[in-house]
Amino acid sequence: LRAGRVSVGAGESQARGAALEACLLARAGYGAMPTDNDHAYARDYRFASLTDVCRMALERAGFDVAGLSPEQIASYALIRLGRRDEDVLEFMRVRASGGGAVGVDNLPYLLANTGNKLLRRGYEQIAPTYKVWASQGEPLKDYKSRSEILLGDLAEFEELPEGATPRRSDILESNVTMQAKDYARAFAVTRKAIVNDDLRGFTRAPFKFGQAAARKENALAYAQLTASGNYSAANTGTAGAPSTTTLSELRKLMRKRTSLAATGETARPLNIVPKILVVPPNHETAANALRATLYPATASDAKDREFADLTIVTDAALTDDNKWYVVADPAMWDGIQYSYLAGENGVVMSNELEFRSGSMIMQARLAFDVKVIDSKALGYNAGA
């Protein structure tokens, strides 16, 4: 493989990169095929195979590819392009800005950038239901454990005589720690996939990985919600299907929960009210019918105004057909909290060139944790 004299300006390279990325996404079924008005160089890539793309990228980067087989072209494109320091810096700039185009002569990183966009699409499509009833905590700045603070249990205000100094309150740390844990899977963009023009495989893998990451978050959160250690007589109702009677009982129990008092302080009732009803699919129809009863079309006919804006969440992650839960407003009460590693609001993708095999390894990784901070914001019923 001989370097030639072809030179491509950065502006043209990035314009071609944007056109190629749009064409790859369109061919995979994500968006309309770009026209010449959308991208100046779209015509060069609309129907190009992955091998054609590699050949054009090598030629525009200044390499003479005459006489090379499709497998050699694929291999050289993966291991020869994108190795310069400026190529790496360009990719980091695009990833950090959350947009923009990678130059076409930086093909491995362009493919990685396309894969990252597909990863995020798959991740955002799932919309995990746990985010309805859990609150997002501060980002985890590293992989060390972090103790959480029970902000809802600060001391009562006291009358302050003129000229007096307020008594200091203890900030209570819970015995719960948050710690980012990595969850990951990887796949390879191989020479064989490029020669076979396996575009569907390349695009579906990151999309499916994004969906898998969202489902993993959801499963971890529901495992926290359903853990038996969160519930005692203080927040467990008499077994029965969701109804005004069983909901009212849980509301009464949650209202009576008291604060965790610091030294010298008195525990006080918290008046917590259920805001979200979380049910398995077996109870979905009954829960919706109950809500219609509680919150009819005519507001004046509402049987219980406090339950009128009750949010119902149904998820198959609740594998027991009978058990159901209530959760207080996560904006007001620290019930279940989730956090991501700082700088990563969800799943991210990294890539590595494997020179021995001539492949690009793309890794999808989720750094995440979710924990019950205070079970007082939760209620449970074994169902019927």
Protein backbone atom coordinates (compact mmCIF):
# COMPACT_ATOMS: atom_id res chain seq x y z
CA LEU A 1 0.00 0.00 0.00
CA ARG A 2 1.69 3.18 -1.23
CA ALA A 3 0.96 6.71 -0.08
CA GLY A 4 0.06 9.00 -2.94
CA ARG A 5 -0.15 12.75 -3.34
CA VAL A 6 -3.87 13.24 -2.94
CA SER A 7 -4.74 15.89 -0.38
CA VAL A 8 -8.20 16.60 0.99
CA GLY A 9 -9.01 19.73 2.97
CA ALA A 10 -10.46 19.34 6.45
CA GLY A 11 -13.69 21.06 5.40
CA GLU A 12 -14.31 18.70 2.50
CA SER A 13 -13.32 15.67 4.57
CA GLN A 14 -15.85 16.54 7.28
CA ALA A 15 -18.55 17.34 4.70
CA ARG A 16 -17.98 13.94 3.12
CA GLY A 17 -17.99 12.33 6.56
CA ALA A 18 -21.38 13.90 7.35
CA ALA A 19 -22.76 12.71 4.00
CA LEU A 20 -21.45 9.17 4.50
CA GLU A 21 -22.84 8.96 8.03
CA ALA A 22 -26.27 10.13 6.85
CA CYS A 23 -26.25 7.58 4.03
CA LEU A 24 -25.20 4.74 6.34
CA LEU A 25 -28.00 5.58 8.78
CA ALA A 26 -30.55 5.85 5.96
CA ARG A 27 -29.52 2.52 4.40
CA ALA A 28 -29.92 0.90 7.81
CA GLY A 29 -33.46 2.27 8.08
CA TYR A 30 -32.85 5.25 10.35
CA GLY A 31 -34.03 8.33 8.49
CA ALA A 32 -34.52 9.30 4.85
CA MET A 33 -31.77 8.95 2.28
CA PRO A 34 -30.07 12.36 2.00
CA THR A 35 -30.39 14.34 -1.21
CA ASP A 36 -27.73 16.48 -2.86
CA ASN A 37 -29.36 19.47 -1.18
CA ASP A 38 -28.96 17.84 2.22
CA HIS A 39 -25.31 16.92 1.73
CA ALA A 40 -23.11 18.04 -1.13
CA TYR A 41 -21.39 14.64 -1.43
CA ALA A 42 -24.37 12.37 -0.77
CA ARG A 43 -24.37 11.05 -4.35
CA ASP A 44 -20.97 9.45 -3.77
CA TYR A 45 -22.21 7.29 -0.90
CA ARG A 46 -25.92 6.55 -1.42
CA PHE A 47 -25.39 3.14 -2.97
CA ALA A 48 -21.75 2.51 -2.13
CA SER A 49 -20.88 -0.77 -0.45
CA LEU A 50 -18.77 -0.76 2.69
CA THR A 51 -15.81 -1.89 0.58
CA ASP A 52 -16.41 1.06 -1.78
CA VAL A 53 -16.49 3.36 1.22
CA CYS A 54 -13.16 1.99 2.46
CA ARG A 55 -11.60 2.34 -0.99
CA MET A 56 -12.71 5.95 -1.34
CA ALA A 57 -11.53 6.80 2.16
CA LEU A 58 -8.08 5.32 1.51
CA GLU A 59 -7.76 7.11 -1.84
CA ARG A 60 -8.76 10.45 -0.37
CA ALA A 61 -6.30 9.95 2.47
CA GLY A 62 -3.56 9.61 -0.15
CA PHE A 63 -3.15 5.84 -0.48
CA ASP A 64 -2.82 3.98 -3.77
CA VAL A 65 -5.18 0.99 -3.57
CA ALA A 66 -4.80 -0.27 -7.15
CA GLY A 67 -4.65 -4.07 -7.27
CA LEU A 68 -5.77 -4.63 -3.69
CA SER A 69 -8.42 -7.26 -2.94
CA PRO A 70 -11.63 -6.27 -1.09
CA GLU A 71 -10.31 -7.95 2.07
CA GLN A 72 -7.04 -6.02 1.89
CA ILE A 73 -8.91 -2.77 1.35
CA ALA A 74 -11.10 -3.43 4.38
CA SER A 75 -8.13 -4.37 6.53
CA TYR A 76 -6.04 -1.34 5.51
CA ALA A 77 -8.97 1.03 6.04
CA LEU A 78 -9.39 -0.21 9.61
CA ILE A 79 -5.73 -0.30 10.62
CA ARG A 80 -4.16 2.49 8.56
CA LEU A 81 -6.76 5.25 8.82
CA GLY A 82 -7.45 7.19 11.99
CA ARG A 83 -4.04 6.53 13.58
CA ARG A 84 -2.67 10.05 13.44
CA ASP A 85 -2.80 12.14 16.61
CA GLU A 86 -4.94 14.74 14.86
CA ASP A 87 -7.46 12.02 13.91
CA VAL A 88 -7.84 10.98 17.54
CA LEU A 89 -8.16 14.61 18.65
CA GLU A 90 -10.81 15.23 15.99
CA PHE A 91 -12.85 12.27 17.20
CA MET A 92 -12.56 13.38 20.83
CA ARG A 93 -13.71 16.88 19.84
CA VAL A 94 -16.78 15.55 18.05
CA ARG A 95 -17.67 13.21 20.94
CA ALA A 96 -17.21 15.97 23.52
CA SER A 97 -19.38 18.44 21.60
CA GLY A 98 -22.13 15.87 21.11
CA GLY A 99 -22.40 16.60 17.41
CA GLY A 100 -20.54 17.47 14.25
CA ALA A 101 -18.97 15.23 11.67
CA VAL A 102 -15.83 13.12 11.66
CA GLY A 103 -13.77 13.42 8.48
CA VAL A 104 -14.20 10.70 5.88
CA ASP A 105 -10.46 9.97 5.85
CA ASN A 106 -10.78 9.13 9.55
CA LEU A 107 -13.00 6.15 8.72
CA PRO A 108 -12.67 3.97 11.86
CA TYR A 109 -13.69 6.88 14.06
CA LEU A 110 -16.46 7.85 11.65
CA LEU A 111 -17.87 4.32 11.97
CA ALA A 112 -17.51 4.55 15.76
CA ASN A 113 -19.32 7.90 15.80
CA THR A 114 -22.14 6.42 13.72
CA GLY A 115 -22.28 3.45 16.08
CA ASN A 116 -22.48 5.77 19.09
CA LYS A 117 -25.46 7.61 17.59
CA LEU A 118 -27.23 4.30 16.99
CA LEU A 119 -26.39 3.24 20.53
CA ARG A 120 -28.06 6.36 21.93
CA ARG A 121 -31.10 5.89 19.67
CA GLY A 122 -31.64 2.39 20.95
CA TYR A 123 -31.06 3.52 24.54
CA GLU A 124 -33.52 6.42 24.34
CA GLN A 125 -36.18 4.39 22.54
CA ILE A 126 -36.78 2.07 25.49
CA ALA A 127 -37.72 4.83 28.00
CA PRO A 128 -37.35 2.70 31.16
CA THR A 129 -40.27 3.15 33.53
CA TYR A 130 -38.19 3.29 36.72
CA LYS A 131 -37.36 6.92 35.96
CA VAL A 132 -40.98 7.79 36.72
CA TRP A 133 -40.67 6.76 40.38
CA ALA A 134 -36.93 7.13 41.10
CA SER A 135 -34.93 10.33 41.46
CA GLN A 136 -31.62 11.06 39.78
CA GLY A 137 -28.82 11.81 42.21
CA GLU A 138 -25.63 13.75 41.71
CA PRO A 139 -23.17 12.20 39.25
CA LEU A 140 -20.65 9.79 40.74
CA LYS A 141 -17.29 11.48 40.18
CA ASP A 142 -15.34 8.21 40.35
CA TYR A 143 -15.72 4.54 41.25
CA LYS A 144 -15.35 5.10 44.99
CA SER A 145 -18.35 4.62 47.29
CA ARG A 146 -20.29 7.71 48.35
CA SER A 147 -22.50 7.94 51.45
CA GLU A 148 -25.92 9.44 50.86
CA ILE A 149 -27.56 12.08 53.06
CA LEU A 150 -31.17 11.91 54.26
CA LEU A 151 -32.14 15.47 53.40
CA GLY A 152 -35.79 14.85 54.31
CA ASP A 153 -34.86 14.23 57.95
CA LEU A 154 -33.34 17.57 58.91
CA ALA A 155 -34.42 18.94 62.28
CA GLU A 156 -37.48 21.06 63.02
CA PHE A 157 -37.18 24.84 63.05
CA GLU A 158 -37.10 26.38 66.51
CA GLU A 159 -38.20 29.79 67.71
CA LEU A 160 -35.20 32.10 67.75
CA PRO A 161 -35.16 34.78 70.46
CA GLU A 162 -33.79 38.17 69.49
CA GLY A 163 -29.99 38.15 69.39
CA ALA A 164 -29.76 34.37 69.80
CA THR A 165 -27.78 32.02 67.56
CA PRO A 166 -29.59 29.13 65.85
CA ARG A 167 -28.78 25.69 67.21
CA ARG A 168 -26.86 23.61 64.72
CA SER A 169 -28.44 20.47 63.28
CA ASP A 170 -26.65 17.26 62.44
CA ILE A 171 -26.70 16.26 58.77
CA LEU A 172 -27.65 12.62 58.91
CA GLU A 173 -25.86 10.22 56.62
CA SER A 174 -27.77 7.10 55.71
CA ASN A 175 -26.10 3.72 55.79
CA VAL A 176 -26.56 3.57 52.02
CA THR A 177 -23.62 4.12 49.69
CA MET A 178 -23.71 4.73 45.96
CA GLN A 179 -20.90 3.35 43.82
CA ALA A 180 -20.66 3.25 40.04
CA LYS A 181 -20.44 -0.23 38.58
CA ASP A 182 -19.62 -1.03 34.96
CA TYR A 183 -21.93 -3.09 32.77
CA ALA A 184 -20.67 -3.70 29.24
CA ARG A 185 -20.76 -5.70 26.03
CA ALA A 186 -18.63 -5.50 22.90
CA PHE A 187 -18.82 -6.38 19.22
CA ALA A 188 -16.36 -6.27 16.35
CA VAL A 189 -16.47 -4.57 12.96
CA THR A 190 -14.42 -7.11 11.02
CA ARG A 191 -12.89 -7.27 7.57
CA LYS A 192 -15.36 -10.02 6.74
CA ALA A 193 -18.33 -7.83 7.66
CA ILE A 194 -17.04 -5.03 5.43
CA VAL A 195 -16.31 -7.33 2.48
CA ASN A 196 -19.78 -8.89 2.84
CA ASP A 197 -21.31 -5.39 3.05
CA ASP A 198 -22.99 -6.40 6.31
CA LEU A 199 -24.33 -2.95 7.04
CA ARG A 200 -27.37 -4.28 8.87
CA GLY A 201 -25.17 -6.17 11.32
CA PHE A 202 -23.03 -3.11 11.97
CA THR A 203 -25.99 -0.83 12.61
CA ARG A 204 -28.23 -3.21 14.55
CA ALA A 205 -25.59 -4.26 17.07
CA PRO A 206 -25.10 -0.82 18.68
CA PHE A 207 -28.84 -0.11 18.48
CA LYS A 208 -29.62 -3.37 20.30
CA PHE A 209 -26.84 -2.72 22.81
CA GLY A 210 -28.43 0.65 23.59
CA GLN A 211 -31.75 -1.06 24.24
CA ALA A 212 -30.04 -3.68 26.39
CA ALA A 213 -28.38 -0.97 28.51
CA ALA A 214 -31.74 0.72 29.17
CA ARG A 215 -33.29 -2.61 30.12
CA LYS A 216 -30.39 -3.32 32.46
CA GLU A 217 -30.96 -0.03 34.27
CA ASN A 218 -34.65 -0.85 34.56
CA ALA A 219 -33.99 -4.34 35.90
CA LEU A 220 -31.52 -3.06 38.52
CA ALA A 221 -33.97 -0.38 39.69
CA TYR A 222 -36.89 -2.80 39.98
CA ALA A 223 -34.70 -5.21 41.92
CA GLN A 224 -34.25 -2.42 44.46
CA LEU A 225 -37.98 -1.62 44.56
CA THR A 226 -38.98 -5.24 45.14
CA ALA A 227 -36.29 -6.15 47.69
CA SER A 228 -38.03 -7.59 50.76
CA GLY A 229 -35.71 -5.75 53.14
CA ASN A 230 -37.40 -2.44 52.27
CA TYR A 231 -40.73 -3.41 53.83
CA SER A 232 -42.02 -4.04 57.33
CA ALA A 233 -45.33 -3.67 59.13
CA ALA A 234 -44.82 0.10 58.93
CA ASN A 235 -45.22 0.20 55.13
CA THR A 236 -46.95 -3.08 54.21
CA GLY A 237 -50.69 -3.15 53.64
CA THR A 238 -53.24 -5.94 54.06
CA ALA A 239 -52.94 -8.22 51.04
CA GLY A 240 -55.40 -7.38 48.28
CA ALA A 241 -55.68 -6.04 44.75
CA PRO A 242 -55.32 -2.27 44.19
CA SER A 243 -58.50 -0.57 45.40
CA THR A 244 -59.57 2.52 47.28
CA THR A 245 -59.42 0.46 50.47
CA THR A 246 -55.92 -0.94 49.99
CA LEU A 247 -54.55 2.37 48.67
CA SER A 248 -56.03 4.24 51.62
CA GLU A 249 -54.42 1.84 54.05
CA LEU A 250 -50.98 2.36 52.54
CA ARG A 251 -51.52 6.12 52.53
CA LYS A 252 -52.35 6.02 56.26
CA LEU A 253 -49.24 3.96 57.00
CA MET A 254 -46.96 6.24 54.99
CA ARG A 255 -48.39 9.42 56.53
CA LYS A 256 -47.53 8.12 59.99
CA ARG A 257 -43.88 7.44 59.18
CA THR A 258 -41.58 9.57 61.32
CA SER A 259 -38.25 11.19 60.71
CA LEU A 260 -34.90 9.76 61.72
CA ALA A 261 -34.10 11.99 64.65
CA ALA A 262 -30.58 13.20 65.34
CA THR A 263 -29.19 13.35 68.89
CA GLY A 264 -31.27 15.74 70.97
CA GLU A 265 -34.03 15.96 68.37
CA THR A 266 -37.56 14.57 68.35
CA ALA A 267 -38.85 12.39 65.52
CA ARG A 268 -41.75 14.02 63.69
CA PRO A 269 -44.46 12.68 61.37
CA LEU A 270 -43.52 13.11 57.72
CA ASN A 271 -47.01 13.04 56.13
CA ILE A 272 -45.77 11.13 53.09
CA VAL A 273 -48.45 10.51 50.46
CA PRO A 274 -48.31 7.89 47.68
CA LYS A 275 -47.94 9.53 44.28
CA ILE A 276 -47.17 6.58 41.98
CA LEU A 277 -48.84 3.17 41.82
CA VAL A 278 -46.49 0.52 40.38
CA VAL A 279 -48.19 -2.68 39.25
CA PRO A 280 -47.34 -5.85 37.29
CA PRO A 281 -49.12 -6.47 33.96
CA ASN A 282 -51.63 -8.70 35.77
CA HIS A 283 -53.01 -5.64 37.60
CA GLU A 284 -52.75 -3.12 34.75
CA THR A 285 -56.39 -3.16 33.64
CA ALA A 286 -57.71 -3.07 37.21
CA ALA A 287 -55.34 -0.22 38.11
CA ASN A 288 -56.47 1.87 35.15
CA ALA A 289 -60.12 1.20 35.99
CA LEU A 290 -59.43 2.23 39.58
CA ARG A 291 -57.83 5.45 38.43
CA ALA A 292 -60.85 6.20 36.23
CA THR A 293 -63.02 5.79 39.30
CA LEU A 294 -60.82 7.99 41.45
CA TYR A 295 -60.38 10.64 38.76
CA PRO A 296 -63.45 10.76 36.49
CA ALA A 297 -63.86 13.10 33.54
CA THR A 298 -65.78 15.52 35.75
CA ALA A 299 -63.37 16.64 38.46
CA SER A 300 -66.22 17.35 40.89
CA ASP A 301 -67.11 13.64 40.81
CA ALA A 302 -63.70 12.56 42.10
CA LYS A 303 -64.04 10.18 45.04
CA ASP A 304 -60.67 11.01 46.57
CA ARG A 305 -58.97 14.17 45.38
CA GLU A 306 -55.64 13.19 46.85
CA PHE A 307 -55.55 10.15 44.58
CA ALA A 308 -56.90 12.12 41.61
CA ASP A 309 -53.45 12.66 40.10
CA LEU A 310 -52.13 9.21 40.93
CA THR A 311 -49.64 8.05 38.28
CA ILE A 312 -49.85 4.40 37.27
CA VAL A 313 -46.75 2.56 36.08
CA THR A 314 -46.92 -0.97 34.68
CA ASP A 315 -43.79 -2.98 33.93
CA ALA A 316 -43.09 -6.63 33.24
CA ALA A 317 -39.97 -6.27 35.38
CA LEU A 318 -42.40 -7.00 38.23
CA THR A 319 -42.38 -10.75 37.72
CA ASP A 320 -44.76 -11.58 40.57
CA ASP A 321 -48.29 -11.26 39.19
CA ASN A 322 -49.78 -10.19 42.51
CA LYS A 323 -47.37 -7.87 44.34
CA TRP A 324 -47.73 -4.14 43.80
CA TYR A 325 -46.13 -1.00 45.21
CA VAL A 326 -46.67 2.69 45.84
CA VAL A 327 -43.98 5.37 45.77
CA ALA A 328 -44.04 8.94 47.03
CA ASP A 329 -43.22 11.85 44.73
CA PRO A 330 -39.48 11.39 43.92
CA ALA A 331 -39.09 15.16 43.62
CA MET A 332 -40.02 15.52 47.30
CA TRP A 333 -38.83 12.33 48.98
CA ASP A 334 -35.59 10.42 48.74
CA GLY A 335 -36.94 6.96 48.06
CA ILE A 336 -34.95 5.22 45.33
CA GLN A 337 -32.11 7.09 43.67
CA TYR A 338 -29.98 6.38 40.60
CA SER A 339 -26.74 7.96 39.42
CA TYR A 340 -24.35 7.73 36.49
CA LEU A 341 -20.62 8.19 36.40
CA ALA A 342 -19.83 11.89 35.93
CA GLY A 343 -19.80 12.89 32.28
CA GLU A 344 -21.81 9.85 31.19
CA ASN A 345 -25.56 10.32 31.33
CA GLY A 346 -26.28 6.77 30.31
CA VAL A 347 -24.61 4.25 28.02
CA VAL A 348 -21.49 5.28 26.07
CA MET A 349 -19.37 3.66 23.40
CA SER A 350 -15.63 3.35 23.05
CA ASN A 351 -13.64 1.77 20.25
CA GLU A 352 -10.28 0.09 19.88
CA LEU A 353 -8.40 -1.06 16.80
CA GLU A 354 -7.26 -4.66 17.01
CA PHE A 355 -4.37 -4.73 14.60
CA ARG A 356 -3.71 -8.47 14.70
CA SER A 357 -7.18 -9.34 13.39
CA GLY A 358 -7.72 -6.15 11.42
CA SER A 359 -10.94 -5.46 13.32
CA MET A 360 -12.40 -2.56 15.23
CA ILE A 361 -13.76 -3.53 18.64
CA MET A 362 -16.67 -1.35 19.76
CA GLN A 363 -17.61 -1.53 23.43
CA ALA A 364 -20.88 -0.29 24.91
CA ARG A 365 -20.52 0.51 28.61
CA LEU A 366 -22.89 1.67 31.33
CA ALA A 367 -21.46 3.05 34.61
CA PHE A 368 -24.46 3.16 36.92
CA ASP A 369 -25.84 2.53 40.38
CA VAL A 370 -29.31 2.59 41.95
CA LYS A 371 -30.18 2.20 45.62
CA VAL A 372 -33.01 2.60 48.11
CA ILE A 373 -32.10 5.72 50.10
CA ASP A 374 -35.12 5.78 52.38
CA SER A 375 -37.82 3.09 52.42
CA LYS A 376 -40.27 5.48 54.12
CA ALA A 377 -41.16 6.72 50.63
CA LEU A 378 -42.21 3.20 49.60
CA GLY A 379 -45.26 1.06 50.26
CA TYR A 380 -45.99 -2.59 49.47
CA ASN A 381 -48.94 -4.91 49.10
CA ALA A 382 -48.69 -8.67 48.48
CA GLY A 383 -51.79 -8.49 46.29
CA ALA A 384 -54.36 -11.15 45.67
